[in-house]
Amino acid sequence: MKMHQWVRAIAGTFILISVMLAAFHSPYWLIFTGFVGLNLLQSAFTGFCPLENILERFGVQR
């Protein structure tokens, strides 16, 4: 998989996990969902994504 596919897969997984945790544990997990969404939004405008830097260190192709 390429970088953009990894970012989408990981972001989607984080959102699903945090929604499940909010439903079954505490609604405060929705703050994490908002953080992931906000990070995706800012990366669309700025081109900077911290997850891309982490994945690049693991050898994922851009």
N, C-alpha and C. Protein backbone atom coordinates (compact mmCIF):
# COMPACT_ATOMS: atom_id res chain seq x y z
N MET A 1 0.84 -1.18 0.00
CA MET A 1 0.00 0.00 0.00
C MET A 1 0.88 1.24 0.00
N LYS A 2 0.36 2.29 -0.56
CA LYS A 2 1.09 3.55 -0.59
C LYS A 2 0.70 4.41 0.61
N MET A 3 1.42 5.51 0.77
CA MET A 3 1.27 6.37 1.95
C MET A 3 -0.18 6.83 2.15
N HIS A 4 -0.81 7.35 1.12
CA HIS A 4 -2.17 7.89 1.29
C HIS A 4 -3.16 6.79 1.68
N GLN A 5 -2.93 5.57 1.23
CA GLN A 5 -3.80 4.46 1.60
C GLN A 5 -3.62 4.10 3.07
N TRP A 6 -2.37 4.10 3.53
CA TRP A 6 -2.10 3.83 4.95
C TRP A 6 -2.75 4.89 5.84
N VAL A 7 -2.60 6.16 5.45
CA VAL A 7 -3.17 7.25 6.26
C VAL A 7 -4.68 7.09 6.37
N ARG A 8 -5.34 6.83 5.27
CA ARG A 8 -6.80 6.66 5.30
C ARG A 8 -7.22 5.45 6.13
N ALA A 9 -6.49 4.35 5.98
CA ALA A 9 -6.83 3.13 6.73
C ALA A 9 -6.64 3.33 8.23
N ILE A 10 -5.54 3.95 8.62
CA ILE A 10 -5.28 4.16 10.04
C ILE A 10 -6.26 5.17 10.63
N ALA A 11 -6.53 6.26 9.91
CA ALA A 11 -7.48 7.26 10.40
C ALA A 11 -8.87 6.65 10.55
N GLY A 12 -9.29 5.87 9.58
CA GLY A 12 -10.59 5.22 9.68
C GLY A 12 -10.67 4.25 10.84
N THR A 13 -9.60 3.52 11.06
CA THR A 13 -9.55 2.59 12.19
C THR A 13 -9.62 3.33 13.51
N PHE A 14 -8.85 4.42 13.65
CA PHE A 14 -8.90 5.22 14.88
C PHE A 14 -10.30 5.76 15.13
N ILE A 15 -10.96 6.23 14.08
CA ILE A 15 -12.30 6.79 14.25
C ILE A 15 -13.28 5.70 14.68
N LEU A 16 -13.23 4.55 14.04
CA LEU A 16 -14.14 3.47 14.42
C LEU A 16 -13.91 2.99 15.85
N ILE A 17 -12.65 2.86 16.24
CA ILE A 17 -12.33 2.43 17.60
C ILE A 17 -12.81 3.45 18.62
N SER A 18 -12.57 4.73 18.34
CA SER A 18 -12.98 5.75 19.32
C SER A 18 -14.49 5.87 19.42
N VAL A 19 -15.21 5.67 18.31
CA VAL A 19 -16.68 5.70 18.37
C VAL A 19 -17.20 4.51 19.19
N MET A 20 -16.60 3.34 18.99
CA MET A 20 -17.01 2.18 19.80
C MET A 20 -16.71 2.41 21.28
N LEU A 21 -15.54 2.97 21.58
CA LEU A 21 -15.21 3.26 22.98
C LEU A 21 -16.16 4.30 23.56
N ALA A 22 -16.57 5.27 22.76
CA ALA A 22 -17.52 6.28 23.24
C ALA A 22 -18.88 5.64 23.51
N ALA A 23 -19.28 4.70 22.67
CA ALA A 23 -20.58 4.06 22.85
C ALA A 23 -20.61 3.13 24.06
N PHE A 24 -19.52 2.44 24.31
CA PHE A 24 -19.52 1.41 25.35
C PHE A 24 -18.79 1.79 26.63
N HIS A 25 -17.99 2.86 26.59
CA HIS A 25 -17.18 3.18 27.76
C HIS A 25 -17.44 4.60 28.26
N SER A 26 -17.07 5.61 27.46
CA SER A 26 -17.23 6.99 27.89
C SER A 26 -17.36 7.90 26.68
N PRO A 27 -18.29 8.85 26.72
CA PRO A 27 -18.44 9.76 25.59
C PRO A 27 -17.23 10.69 25.38
N TYR A 28 -16.34 10.74 26.34
CA TYR A 28 -15.15 11.57 26.18
C TYR A 28 -14.23 11.06 25.08
N TRP A 29 -14.41 9.81 24.65
CA TRP A 29 -13.61 9.29 23.54
C TRP A 29 -13.93 10.01 22.24
N LEU A 30 -15.07 10.70 22.17
CA LEU A 30 -15.39 11.46 20.97
C LEU A 30 -14.44 12.63 20.76
N ILE A 31 -13.76 13.06 21.81
CA ILE A 31 -12.74 14.09 21.67
C ILE A 31 -11.62 13.58 20.78
N PHE A 32 -11.25 12.32 20.95
CA PHE A 32 -10.22 11.72 20.09
C PHE A 32 -10.70 11.64 18.64
N THR A 33 -11.98 11.30 18.45
CA THR A 33 -12.54 11.28 17.11
C THR A 33 -12.44 12.65 16.46
N GLY A 34 -12.76 13.68 17.22
CA GLY A 34 -12.65 15.05 16.72
C GLY A 34 -11.22 15.42 16.39
N PHE A 35 -10.28 14.97 17.20
CA PHE A 35 -8.87 15.25 16.95
C PHE A 35 -8.42 14.63 15.63
N VAL A 36 -8.81 13.40 15.39
CA VAL A 36 -8.43 12.72 14.15
C VAL A 36 -9.03 13.46 12.96
N GLY A 37 -10.29 13.82 13.04
CA GLY A 37 -10.95 14.55 11.96
C GLY A 37 -10.32 15.91 11.72
N LEU A 38 -10.00 16.61 12.79
CA LEU A 38 -9.36 17.93 12.66
C LEU A 38 -7.98 17.80 12.03
N ASN A 39 -7.24 16.77 12.40
CA ASN A 39 -5.92 16.55 11.83
C ASN A 39 -6.02 16.24 10.34
N LEU A 40 -7.01 15.44 9.94
CA LEU A 40 -7.22 15.16 8.52
C LEU A 40 -7.56 16.44 7.76
N LEU A 41 -8.38 17.27 8.35
CA LEU A 41 -8.77 18.53 7.71
C LEU A 41 -7.59 19.47 7.55
N GLN A 42 -6.79 19.64 8.60
CA GLN A 42 -5.66 20.56 8.50
C GLN A 42 -4.61 20.03 7.54
N SER A 43 -4.45 18.70 7.45
CA SER A 43 -3.46 18.15 6.52
C SER A 43 -3.90 18.34 5.07
N ALA A 44 -5.20 18.41 4.84
CA ALA A 44 -5.70 18.66 3.48
C ALA A 44 -5.31 20.06 3.01
N PHE A 45 -5.25 21.02 3.93
CA PHE A 45 -4.94 22.40 3.55
C PHE A 45 -3.45 22.72 3.65
N THR A 46 -2.75 22.12 4.60
CA THR A 46 -1.35 22.47 4.81
C THR A 46 -0.38 21.50 4.16
N GLY A 47 -0.83 20.27 3.93
CA GLY A 47 0.06 19.26 3.38
C GLY A 47 0.93 18.59 4.43
N PHE A 48 0.80 18.98 5.69
CA PHE A 48 1.58 18.40 6.78
C PHE A 48 0.73 17.39 7.54
N CYS A 49 1.23 16.17 7.62
CA CYS A 49 0.53 15.11 8.35
C CYS A 49 1.56 14.36 9.21
N PRO A 50 1.44 14.44 10.53
CA PRO A 50 2.39 13.75 11.40
C PRO A 50 2.45 12.25 11.15
N LEU A 51 1.32 11.64 10.81
CA LEU A 51 1.30 10.20 10.56
C LEU A 51 2.17 9.84 9.35
N GLU A 52 2.22 10.71 8.35
CA GLU A 52 3.08 10.45 7.19
C GLU A 52 4.54 10.39 7.61
N ASN A 53 4.94 11.28 8.51
CA ASN A 53 6.32 11.26 9.00
C ASN A 53 6.63 9.95 9.73
N ILE A 54 5.69 9.48 10.52
CA ILE A 54 5.88 8.23 11.26
C ILE A 54 5.95 7.05 10.29
N LEU A 55 5.04 7.02 9.33
CA LEU A 55 5.03 5.93 8.36
C LEU A 55 6.28 5.93 7.49
N GLU A 56 6.78 7.11 7.18
CA GLU A 56 8.00 7.21 6.38
C GLU A 56 9.19 6.59 7.11
N ARG A 57 9.24 6.75 8.41
CA ARG A 57 10.30 6.13 9.21
C ARG A 57 10.22 4.61 9.20
N PHE A 58 9.01 4.08 8.99
CA PHE A 58 8.82 2.64 8.89
C PHE A 58 9.03 2.12 7.47
N GLY A 59 9.35 3.01 6.55
CA GLY A 59 9.69 2.60 5.20
C GLY A 59 8.53 2.54 4.21
N VAL A 60 7.43 3.18 4.54
CA VAL A 60 6.28 3.19 3.63
C VAL A 60 6.57 4.16 2.48
N GLN A 61 6.26 3.75 1.25
CA GLN A 61 6.49 4.59 0.07
C GLN A 61 5.51 5.74 0.02
N ARG A 62 6.01 6.89 -0.43
CA ARG A 62 5.11 8.03 -0.67
C ARG A 62 4.42 7.79 -1.94
